[in-house]
């Protein structure tokens, strides 16, 4: 399997100077026509924004959270949030530039996030929530060892900070993976 170093990736914690670039990356991966270049688009189920500068800054500033920036040759190409929650870590805000999707980069970044959570924080599991209607995305995570729990959380309808739903059946499902000992 490719490793981050073998494909020229560098990881670092985000800073305030990264906020605007991170918002642009996340929006490009999930919303609008630019997101349709990749396969992670949510443009058919959600319009409006995916995040905003305040939301990104909040993750950067949280003492139990890391917003990991992924660069290749000094160019921001991906990011993910890791949050230490005791015996487990939470994985979120995962975005890969649409032009970089489909070539295995996501699985390398996910593996690095799992390694970080386990080795740095001692997390025994990784948790994440995914919109359950995103069957292709859920299946992608299942192929990487995550299991569906059936535990659902309502989508925050009416809170446009998370987008404008285009359907009325959206909810988040908790996915869980035991991290290697």
N, C-alpha and C. Protein backbone atom coordinates (compact mmCIF):
# COMPACT_ATOMS: atom_id res chain seq x y z
N UNK A 1 0.84 -1.18 0.00
CA UNK A 1 0.00 0.00 0.00
C UNK A 1 0.88 1.24 0.00
N UNK A 2 0.43 2.26 -0.71
CA UNK A 2 1.15 3.52 -0.71
C UNK A 2 1.09 4.14 0.67
N UNK A 3 2.16 4.80 1.04
CA UNK A 3 2.17 5.56 2.28
C UNK A 3 2.23 7.03 1.93
N UNK A 4 1.91 7.88 2.90
CA UNK A 4 1.91 9.31 2.66
C UNK A 4 3.26 9.78 2.13
N UNK A 5 4.34 9.31 2.73
CA UNK A 5 5.68 9.74 2.31
C UNK A 5 5.99 9.24 0.90
N UNK A 6 5.55 8.02 0.58
CA UNK A 6 5.90 7.45 -0.73
C UNK A 6 5.22 8.17 -1.89
N UNK A 7 4.12 8.87 -1.62
CA UNK A 7 3.46 9.61 -2.69
C UNK A 7 3.60 11.12 -2.51
N UNK A 8 4.59 11.51 -1.70
CA UNK A 8 4.96 12.92 -1.59
C UNK A 8 4.01 13.79 -0.80
N UNK A 9 3.31 13.21 0.17
CA UNK A 9 2.39 14.00 0.98
C UNK A 9 3.06 14.46 2.27
N UNK A 10 2.70 15.65 2.69
CA UNK A 10 3.09 16.12 4.02
C UNK A 10 1.81 16.48 4.77
N UNK A 11 1.83 16.20 6.06
CA UNK A 11 0.70 16.48 6.96
C UNK A 11 1.17 17.48 8.00
N UNK A 12 0.29 18.40 8.34
CA UNK A 12 0.58 19.35 9.41
C UNK A 12 -0.74 19.84 9.99
N UNK A 13 -0.66 20.42 11.18
CA UNK A 13 -1.84 21.02 11.78
C UNK A 13 -2.13 22.36 11.11
N UNK A 14 -3.40 22.62 10.87
CA UNK A 14 -3.82 23.87 10.25
C UNK A 14 -3.60 25.04 11.20
N UNK A 15 -3.41 26.20 10.63
CA UNK A 15 -3.28 27.45 11.39
C UNK A 15 -4.33 28.43 10.89
N UNK A 16 -4.45 29.56 11.57
CA UNK A 16 -5.39 30.59 11.13
C UNK A 16 -5.12 31.03 9.70
N UNK A 17 -3.87 31.00 9.28
CA UNK A 17 -3.52 31.42 7.92
C UNK A 17 -4.11 30.49 6.86
N UNK A 18 -4.51 29.29 7.25
CA UNK A 18 -5.07 28.31 6.31
C UNK A 18 -6.58 28.39 6.15
N UNK A 19 -7.26 29.17 6.98
CA UNK A 19 -8.73 29.13 7.04
C UNK A 19 -9.38 29.33 5.68
N UNK A 20 -9.04 30.40 4.98
CA UNK A 20 -9.71 30.68 3.70
C UNK A 20 -9.46 29.57 2.68
N UNK A 21 -8.24 29.07 2.61
CA UNK A 21 -7.91 27.98 1.68
C UNK A 21 -8.66 26.71 2.04
N UNK A 22 -8.79 26.43 3.34
CA UNK A 22 -9.50 25.24 3.77
C UNK A 22 -10.99 25.32 3.45
N UNK A 23 -11.59 26.48 3.68
CA UNK A 23 -13.01 26.65 3.34
C UNK A 23 -13.20 26.42 1.84
N UNK A 24 -12.33 27.01 1.02
CA UNK A 24 -12.44 26.84 -0.44
C UNK A 24 -12.29 25.36 -0.83
N UNK A 25 -11.35 24.66 -0.22
CA UNK A 25 -11.15 23.24 -0.51
C UNK A 25 -12.39 22.43 -0.14
N UNK A 26 -12.89 22.61 1.06
CA UNK A 26 -14.05 21.85 1.54
C UNK A 26 -15.28 22.12 0.66
N UNK A 27 -15.50 23.38 0.35
CA UNK A 27 -16.64 23.73 -0.51
C UNK A 27 -16.49 23.09 -1.89
N UNK A 28 -15.28 23.11 -2.44
CA UNK A 28 -15.06 22.55 -3.79
C UNK A 28 -15.27 21.04 -3.83
N UNK A 29 -15.04 20.37 -2.71
CA UNK A 29 -15.18 18.92 -2.67
C UNK A 29 -16.63 18.46 -2.50
N UNK A 30 -17.49 19.33 -1.98
CA UNK A 30 -18.84 18.90 -1.63
C UNK A 30 -19.98 19.67 -2.28
N UNK A 31 -19.76 20.91 -2.66
CA UNK A 31 -20.86 21.75 -3.13
C UNK A 31 -20.59 22.33 -4.51
N UNK A 32 -21.67 22.58 -5.22
CA UNK A 32 -21.59 23.27 -6.50
C UNK A 32 -21.03 22.42 -7.62
N UNK A 33 -20.96 23.02 -8.79
CA UNK A 33 -20.52 22.31 -9.99
C UNK A 33 -19.09 21.81 -9.89
N UNK A 34 -18.22 22.56 -9.21
CA UNK A 34 -16.82 22.13 -9.11
C UNK A 34 -16.72 20.79 -8.40
N UNK A 35 -17.64 20.51 -7.48
CA UNK A 35 -17.59 19.25 -6.73
C UNK A 35 -17.94 18.04 -7.60
N UNK A 36 -18.60 18.27 -8.71
CA UNK A 36 -19.02 17.17 -9.58
C UNK A 36 -17.85 16.53 -10.33
N UNK A 37 -16.69 17.19 -10.32
CA UNK A 37 -15.49 16.62 -10.94
C UNK A 37 -15.08 15.36 -10.17
N UNK A 38 -15.23 15.40 -8.85
CA UNK A 38 -14.90 14.26 -8.00
C UNK A 38 -16.13 13.42 -7.72
N UNK A 39 -15.98 12.42 -6.87
CA UNK A 39 -17.11 11.53 -6.58
C UNK A 39 -17.72 11.79 -5.20
N UNK A 40 -17.15 12.71 -4.41
CA UNK A 40 -17.67 12.95 -3.07
C UNK A 40 -18.73 14.05 -3.01
N UNK A 41 -19.15 14.54 -4.14
CA UNK A 41 -20.11 15.65 -4.16
C UNK A 41 -21.38 15.35 -3.37
N UNK A 42 -21.88 16.38 -2.74
CA UNK A 42 -23.20 16.32 -2.10
C UNK A 42 -24.16 17.27 -2.82
N UNK A 43 -23.74 17.77 -3.99
CA UNK A 43 -24.49 18.80 -4.70
C UNK A 43 -25.91 18.39 -5.06
N UNK A 44 -26.17 17.11 -5.20
CA UNK A 44 -27.52 16.67 -5.53
C UNK A 44 -28.45 16.59 -4.33
N UNK A 45 -27.89 16.57 -3.14
CA UNK A 45 -28.74 16.47 -1.94
C UNK A 45 -28.69 17.71 -1.05
N UNK A 46 -27.65 18.54 -1.24
CA UNK A 46 -27.51 19.75 -0.42
C UNK A 46 -26.99 20.90 -1.27
N UNK A 47 -27.60 22.05 -1.11
CA UNK A 47 -27.09 23.27 -1.72
C UNK A 47 -26.58 24.16 -0.60
N UNK A 48 -26.09 25.33 -0.96
CA UNK A 48 -25.57 26.24 0.06
C UNK A 48 -24.19 25.82 0.51
N UNK A 49 -23.79 26.28 1.66
CA UNK A 49 -22.43 26.04 2.14
C UNK A 49 -22.27 24.72 2.86
N UNK A 50 -21.05 24.22 2.88
CA UNK A 50 -20.70 23.02 3.66
C UNK A 50 -20.08 23.43 4.98
N UNK A 51 -19.32 24.53 4.95
CA UNK A 51 -18.71 25.07 6.15
C UNK A 51 -18.48 26.56 5.94
N UNK A 52 -17.93 27.20 6.94
CA UNK A 52 -17.62 28.62 6.84
C UNK A 52 -16.35 28.90 7.64
N UNK A 53 -15.78 30.10 7.48
CA UNK A 53 -14.53 30.39 8.20
C UNK A 53 -14.63 30.20 9.71
N UNK A 54 -15.77 30.55 10.29
CA UNK A 54 -15.93 30.41 11.74
C UNK A 54 -15.89 28.94 12.16
N UNK A 55 -16.55 28.08 11.39
CA UNK A 55 -16.55 26.65 11.70
C UNK A 55 -15.17 26.04 11.59
N UNK A 56 -14.41 26.43 10.57
CA UNK A 56 -13.05 25.92 10.40
C UNK A 56 -12.15 26.45 11.51
N UNK A 57 -12.28 27.72 11.82
CA UNK A 57 -11.46 28.32 12.88
C UNK A 57 -11.76 27.66 14.23
N UNK A 58 -13.01 27.32 14.47
CA UNK A 58 -13.40 26.66 15.72
C UNK A 58 -12.69 25.31 15.87
N UNK A 59 -12.60 24.55 14.79
CA UNK A 59 -11.90 23.26 14.82
C UNK A 59 -10.41 23.47 15.08
N UNK A 60 -9.83 24.46 14.43
CA UNK A 60 -8.40 24.75 14.61
C UNK A 60 -8.10 25.12 16.05
N UNK A 61 -8.97 25.90 16.67
CA UNK A 61 -8.73 26.42 18.02
C UNK A 61 -9.07 25.43 19.14
N UNK A 62 -9.88 24.43 18.86
CA UNK A 62 -10.31 23.49 19.90
C UNK A 62 -9.11 22.71 20.44
N UNK A 63 -8.94 22.68 21.76
CA UNK A 63 -7.77 22.00 22.33
C UNK A 63 -7.76 20.48 22.12
N UNK A 64 -8.91 19.87 21.91
CA UNK A 64 -8.98 18.41 21.71
C UNK A 64 -9.09 18.03 20.24
N UNK A 65 -8.90 18.98 19.36
CA UNK A 65 -9.11 18.74 17.94
C UNK A 65 -7.88 19.15 17.14
N UNK A 66 -7.69 18.49 16.01
CA UNK A 66 -6.66 18.85 15.05
C UNK A 66 -7.32 18.89 13.68
N UNK A 67 -7.08 19.96 12.95
CA UNK A 67 -7.47 19.99 11.56
C UNK A 67 -6.18 19.77 10.78
N UNK A 68 -6.07 18.57 10.23
CA UNK A 68 -4.83 18.17 9.55
C UNK A 68 -4.89 18.62 8.09
N UNK A 69 -3.88 19.36 7.68
CA UNK A 69 -3.72 19.82 6.31
C UNK A 69 -2.84 18.82 5.58
N UNK A 70 -3.23 18.48 4.37
CA UNK A 70 -2.45 17.57 3.54
C UNK A 70 -1.96 18.36 2.32
N UNK A 71 -0.64 18.35 2.13
CA UNK A 71 -0.05 19.09 1.02
C UNK A 71 0.81 18.16 0.16
N UNK A 72 0.90 18.53 -1.10
CA UNK A 72 1.84 17.89 -2.02
C UNK A 72 2.57 19.04 -2.71
N UNK A 73 3.89 19.03 -2.61
CA UNK A 73 4.71 20.10 -3.20
C UNK A 73 4.25 21.49 -2.76
N UNK A 74 3.86 21.60 -1.48
CA UNK A 74 3.46 22.89 -0.92
C UNK A 74 2.06 23.34 -1.26
N UNK A 75 1.30 22.51 -1.99
CA UNK A 75 -0.06 22.86 -2.38
C UNK A 75 -1.06 22.08 -1.54
N UNK A 76 -2.02 22.78 -0.96
CA UNK A 76 -3.08 22.18 -0.16
C UNK A 76 -3.97 21.33 -1.07
N UNK A 77 -4.05 20.02 -0.79
CA UNK A 77 -4.89 19.15 -1.63
C UNK A 77 -5.95 18.40 -0.83
N UNK A 78 -5.85 18.40 0.50
CA UNK A 78 -6.83 17.67 1.30
C UNK A 78 -6.74 18.13 2.75
N UNK A 79 -7.76 17.73 3.53
CA UNK A 79 -7.74 18.01 4.97
C UNK A 79 -8.66 17.02 5.67
N UNK A 80 -8.48 16.89 6.97
CA UNK A 80 -9.39 16.12 7.79
C UNK A 80 -9.30 16.58 9.23
N UNK A 81 -10.40 16.47 9.92
CA UNK A 81 -10.47 16.80 11.33
C UNK A 81 -10.31 15.54 12.16
N UNK A 82 -9.53 15.63 13.20
CA UNK A 82 -9.44 14.58 14.21
C UNK A 82 -9.75 15.21 15.55
N UNK A 83 -10.64 14.57 16.30
CA UNK A 83 -10.98 15.08 17.63
C UNK A 83 -10.81 13.95 18.64
N UNK A 84 -10.04 14.24 19.68
CA UNK A 84 -9.78 13.26 20.74
C UNK A 84 -10.97 13.24 21.68
N UNK A 85 -11.61 12.10 21.80
CA UNK A 85 -12.79 11.95 22.66
C UNK A 85 -12.59 10.77 23.62
N UNK A 86 -11.53 10.84 24.40
CA UNK A 86 -11.28 9.79 25.38
C UNK A 86 -10.75 8.53 24.72
N UNK A 87 -11.54 7.43 24.79
CA UNK A 87 -11.07 6.15 24.24
C UNK A 87 -11.20 6.06 22.73
N UNK A 88 -11.83 7.05 22.10
CA UNK A 88 -11.94 7.04 20.65
C UNK A 88 -11.64 8.43 20.08
N UNK A 89 -11.45 8.45 18.78
CA UNK A 89 -11.26 9.71 18.07
C UNK A 89 -12.40 9.87 17.08
N UNK A 90 -12.73 11.12 16.78
CA UNK A 90 -13.75 11.43 15.79
C UNK A 90 -13.05 11.93 14.53
N UNK A 91 -13.49 11.43 13.37
CA UNK A 91 -12.94 11.82 12.08
C UNK A 91 -14.00 12.60 11.33
N UNK A 92 -13.66 13.78 10.85
CA UNK A 92 -14.64 14.58 10.12
C UNK A 92 -13.96 15.60 9.22
N UNK A 93 -14.77 16.47 8.65
CA UNK A 93 -14.32 17.54 7.78
C UNK A 93 -13.28 17.04 6.75
N UNK A 94 -13.52 15.85 6.24
CA UNK A 94 -12.61 15.21 5.29
C UNK A 94 -12.90 15.73 3.89
N UNK A 95 -11.91 16.31 3.28
CA UNK A 95 -12.07 16.83 1.92
C UNK A 95 -10.80 16.59 1.13
N UNK A 96 -10.98 16.11 -0.08
CA UNK A 96 -9.89 15.94 -1.04
C UNK A 96 -10.26 16.76 -2.26
N UNK A 97 -9.33 17.52 -2.77
CA UNK A 97 -9.57 18.32 -3.96
C UNK A 97 -10.20 17.44 -5.05
N UNK A 98 -11.29 17.89 -5.69
CA UNK A 98 -11.95 17.06 -6.70
C UNK A 98 -10.99 16.57 -7.79
N UNK A 99 -10.03 17.37 -8.17
CA UNK A 99 -9.07 16.97 -9.20
C UNK A 99 -8.15 15.84 -8.73
N UNK A 100 -8.06 15.63 -7.43
CA UNK A 100 -7.18 14.61 -6.84
C UNK A 100 -7.93 13.33 -6.46
N UNK A 101 -9.26 13.33 -6.61
CA UNK A 101 -10.07 12.20 -6.18
C UNK A 101 -10.00 11.04 -7.16
N UNK A 102 -10.21 9.84 -6.64
CA UNK A 102 -10.31 8.66 -7.47
C UNK A 102 -9.00 7.92 -7.70
N UNK A 103 -7.90 8.41 -7.11
CA UNK A 103 -6.61 7.78 -7.34
C UNK A 103 -6.01 7.12 -6.12
N UNK A 104 -6.80 6.96 -5.06
CA UNK A 104 -6.30 6.30 -3.85
C UNK A 104 -5.78 7.23 -2.77
N UNK A 105 -5.80 8.52 -3.02
CA UNK A 105 -5.31 9.48 -2.04
C UNK A 105 -6.13 9.43 -0.75
N UNK A 106 -7.44 9.31 -0.86
CA UNK A 106 -8.31 9.30 0.31
C UNK A 106 -7.98 8.19 1.28
N UNK A 107 -7.73 6.99 0.74
CA UNK A 107 -7.44 5.87 1.65
C UNK A 107 -6.10 6.06 2.34
N UNK A 108 -5.13 6.70 1.70
CA UNK A 108 -3.84 6.98 2.34
C UNK A 108 -4.02 8.00 3.47
N UNK A 109 -4.82 9.02 3.22
CA UNK A 109 -5.08 10.05 4.24
C UNK A 109 -5.84 9.46 5.41
N UNK A 110 -6.85 8.64 5.13
CA UNK A 110 -7.62 8.00 6.19
C UNK A 110 -6.72 7.11 7.04
N UNK A 111 -5.85 6.34 6.41
CA UNK A 111 -4.93 5.47 7.14
C UNK A 111 -3.99 6.29 8.02
N UNK A 112 -3.52 7.41 7.53
CA UNK A 112 -2.65 8.28 8.33
C UNK A 112 -3.42 8.87 9.51
N UNK A 113 -4.68 9.25 9.29
CA UNK A 113 -5.50 9.77 10.39
C UNK A 113 -5.71 8.71 11.46
N UNK A 114 -5.95 7.47 11.04
CA UNK A 114 -6.13 6.38 11.99
C UNK A 114 -4.83 6.13 12.77
N UNK A 115 -3.72 6.15 12.08
CA UNK A 115 -2.42 5.96 12.74
C UNK A 115 -2.19 7.06 13.77
N UNK A 116 -2.43 8.29 13.40
CA UNK A 116 -2.25 9.43 14.29
C UNK A 116 -3.11 9.27 15.54
N UNK A 117 -4.41 8.99 15.35
CA UNK A 117 -5.34 8.87 16.47
C UNK A 117 -4.91 7.76 17.43
N UNK A 118 -4.44 6.65 16.87
CA UNK A 118 -4.05 5.51 17.70
C UNK A 118 -2.70 5.76 18.38
N UNK A 119 -1.70 6.18 17.61
CA UNK A 119 -0.36 6.33 18.17
C UNK A 119 -0.18 7.57 19.03
N UNK A 120 -0.77 8.68 18.66
CA UNK A 120 -0.59 9.92 19.40
C UNK A 120 -1.54 10.00 20.59
N UNK A 121 -2.80 9.62 20.38
CA UNK A 121 -3.80 9.75 21.43
C UNK A 121 -4.15 8.43 22.11
N UNK A 122 -3.71 7.31 21.58
CA UNK A 122 -4.07 6.02 22.16
C UNK A 122 -5.52 5.62 21.92
N UNK A 123 -6.15 6.20 20.90
CA UNK A 123 -7.55 5.90 20.61
C UNK A 123 -7.70 4.45 20.16
N UNK A 124 -8.69 3.78 20.73
CA UNK A 124 -8.96 2.38 20.38
C UNK A 124 -9.89 2.26 19.18
N UNK A 125 -10.68 3.32 18.92
CA UNK A 125 -11.62 3.30 17.81
C UNK A 125 -11.64 4.66 17.12
N UNK A 126 -12.06 4.63 15.86
CA UNK A 126 -12.34 5.86 15.13
C UNK A 126 -13.83 5.89 14.87
N UNK A 127 -14.45 7.03 15.16
CA UNK A 127 -15.87 7.24 14.91
C UNK A 127 -16.02 8.33 13.86
N UNK A 128 -17.09 8.25 13.10
CA UNK A 128 -17.44 9.31 12.16
C UNK A 128 -18.93 9.24 11.91
N UNK A 129 -19.48 10.35 11.43
CA UNK A 129 -20.87 10.34 11.00
C UNK A 129 -20.90 10.68 9.51
N UNK A 130 -21.76 9.96 8.78
CA UNK A 130 -21.89 10.12 7.34
C UNK A 130 -23.38 10.22 7.03
N UNK A 131 -23.74 11.07 6.08
CA UNK A 131 -25.14 11.13 5.66
C UNK A 131 -25.52 9.76 5.12
N UNK A 132 -26.49 9.13 5.74
CA UNK A 132 -26.82 7.74 5.41
C UNK A 132 -27.26 7.56 3.96
N UNK A 133 -27.80 8.58 3.35
CA UNK A 133 -28.22 8.50 1.95
C UNK A 133 -27.03 8.42 0.99
N UNK A 134 -25.84 8.69 1.47
CA UNK A 134 -24.63 8.64 0.64
C UNK A 134 -24.10 7.22 0.60
N UNK A 135 -24.86 6.32 -0.01
CA UNK A 135 -24.53 4.89 -0.01
C UNK A 135 -23.15 4.60 -0.58
N UNK A 136 -22.75 5.33 -1.63
CA UNK A 136 -21.42 5.11 -2.22
C UNK A 136 -20.32 5.45 -1.24
N UNK A 137 -20.51 6.52 -0.49
CA UNK A 137 -19.52 6.93 0.50
C UNK A 137 -19.49 5.97 1.69
N UNK A 138 -20.66 5.55 2.17
CA UNK A 138 -20.72 4.58 3.26
C UNK A 138 -20.01 3.29 2.83
N UNK A 139 -20.27 2.85 1.59
CA UNK A 139 -19.63 1.62 1.09
C UNK A 139 -18.11 1.79 1.02
N UNK A 140 -17.64 2.96 0.65
CA UNK A 140 -16.19 3.23 0.60
C UNK A 140 -15.58 3.04 2.00
N UNK A 141 -16.24 3.60 3.01
CA UNK A 141 -15.74 3.44 4.39
C UNK A 141 -15.85 1.99 4.85
N UNK A 142 -16.89 1.30 4.48
CA UNK A 142 -17.02 -0.12 4.85
C UNK A 142 -15.87 -0.93 4.28
N UNK A 143 -15.44 -0.62 3.07
CA UNK A 143 -14.31 -1.34 2.46
C UNK A 143 -13.01 -1.06 3.22
N UNK A 144 -12.99 -0.03 4.02
CA UNK A 144 -11.82 0.31 4.82
C UNK A 144 -11.98 -0.10 6.28
N UNK A 145 -12.95 -0.97 6.55
CA UNK A 145 -13.09 -1.56 7.87
C UNK A 145 -14.09 -0.90 8.80
N UNK A 146 -14.78 0.13 8.35
CA UNK A 146 -15.78 0.78 9.19
C UNK A 146 -17.07 -0.02 9.13
N UNK A 147 -17.79 -0.03 10.26
CA UNK A 147 -19.06 -0.74 10.28
C UNK A 147 -20.19 0.23 10.60
N UNK A 148 -21.30 -0.03 9.96
CA UNK A 148 -22.50 0.76 10.22
C UNK A 148 -23.04 0.35 11.59
N UNK A 149 -23.46 1.33 12.36
CA UNK A 149 -23.99 1.04 13.69
C UNK A 149 -25.51 1.10 13.73
N UNK A 150 -26.10 1.73 12.75
CA UNK A 150 -27.55 1.95 12.78
C UNK A 150 -27.94 3.10 13.68
N UNK A 151 -26.97 3.69 14.36
CA UNK A 151 -27.24 4.83 15.26
C UNK A 151 -27.33 6.10 14.42
N UNK A 152 -28.51 6.69 14.39
CA UNK A 152 -28.78 7.85 13.53
C UNK A 152 -28.90 9.13 14.36
N UNK A 153 -28.50 10.22 13.73
CA UNK A 153 -28.64 11.56 14.30
C UNK A 153 -29.35 12.41 13.24
N UNK A 154 -30.33 13.21 13.64
CA UNK A 154 -31.04 14.00 12.64
C UNK A 154 -30.13 15.02 11.95
N UNK A 155 -30.40 15.28 10.67
CA UNK A 155 -29.73 16.36 9.96
C UNK A 155 -30.25 17.68 10.53
N UNK A 156 -29.39 18.69 10.66
CA UNK A 156 -29.85 19.96 11.24
C UNK A 156 -30.64 20.82 10.24
N UNK A 157 -31.84 20.33 9.88
CA UNK A 157 -32.71 21.10 8.98
C UNK A 157 -32.95 22.48 9.55
N UNK A 158 -32.92 23.48 8.69
CA UNK A 158 -33.17 24.85 9.12
C UNK A 158 -31.92 25.60 9.51
N UNK A 159 -30.80 24.92 9.65
CA UNK A 159 -29.54 25.58 9.99
C UNK A 159 -28.68 25.62 8.73
N UNK A 160 -28.75 26.72 8.00
CA UNK A 160 -28.10 26.82 6.70
C UNK A 160 -26.58 26.82 6.78
N UNK A 161 -26.02 26.84 7.99
CA UNK A 161 -24.56 26.70 8.11
C UNK A 161 -24.11 25.34 7.59
N UNK A 162 -25.02 24.36 7.56
CA UNK A 162 -24.69 23.00 7.12
C UNK A 162 -25.24 22.68 5.74
N UNK A 163 -25.82 23.68 5.08
CA UNK A 163 -26.35 23.48 3.75
C UNK A 163 -27.87 23.55 3.73
N UNK A 164 -28.39 23.57 2.51
CA UNK A 164 -29.83 23.64 2.29
C UNK A 164 -30.26 22.31 1.69
N UNK A 165 -30.91 21.46 2.49
CA UNK A 165 -31.29 20.11 2.02
C UNK A 165 -32.23 20.16 0.82
N UNK A 166 -32.00 19.26 -0.11
CA UNK A 166 -32.85 19.13 -1.29
C UNK A 166 -33.79 17.93 -1.18
N UNK A 167 -33.79 17.28 -0.02
CA UNK A 167 -34.70 16.17 0.26
C UNK A 167 -34.97 16.13 1.75
N UNK A 168 -36.02 15.44 2.13
CA UNK A 168 -36.46 15.49 3.53
C UNK A 168 -36.10 14.25 4.35
N UNK A 169 -35.21 13.40 3.84
CA UNK A 169 -34.89 12.15 4.54
C UNK A 169 -33.42 12.08 4.98
N UNK A 170 -32.78 13.22 5.13
CA UNK A 170 -31.36 13.19 5.48
C UNK A 170 -31.14 12.97 6.97
N UNK A 171 -30.18 12.13 7.27
CA UNK A 171 -29.77 11.88 8.64
C UNK A 171 -28.33 11.38 8.61
N UNK A 172 -27.67 11.47 9.75
CA UNK A 172 -26.30 11.00 9.87
C UNK A 172 -26.28 9.64 10.54
N UNK A 173 -25.42 8.73 10.03
CA UNK A 173 -25.23 7.44 10.67
C UNK A 173 -23.82 7.38 11.24
N UNK A 174 -23.71 6.84 12.44
CA UNK A 174 -22.41 6.65 13.07
C UNK A 174 -21.73 5.42 12.48
N UNK A 175 -20.50 5.60 12.00
CA UNK A 175 -19.67 4.50 11.55
C UNK A 175 -18.50 4.38 12.52
N UNK A 176 -18.08 3.14 12.80
CA UNK A 176 -17.05 2.89 13.80
C UNK A 176 -16.04 1.87 13.26
N UNK A 177 -14.77 2.07 13.61
CA UNK A 177 -13.72 1.12 13.27
C UNK A 177 -12.79 0.96 14.46
N UNK A 178 -12.49 -0.28 14.81
CA UNK A 178 -11.47 -0.56 15.83
C UNK A 178 -10.11 -0.29 15.20
N UNK A 179 -9.27 0.43 15.93
CA UNK A 179 -7.93 0.74 15.42
C UNK A 179 -6.94 -0.34 15.88
N UNK A 180 -6.01 -0.67 15.02
CA UNK A 180 -5.05 -1.75 15.27
C UNK A 180 -4.28 -1.52 16.57
N UNK A 181 -4.08 -2.61 17.28
CA UNK A 181 -3.33 -2.52 18.54
C UNK A 181 -1.84 -2.59 18.29
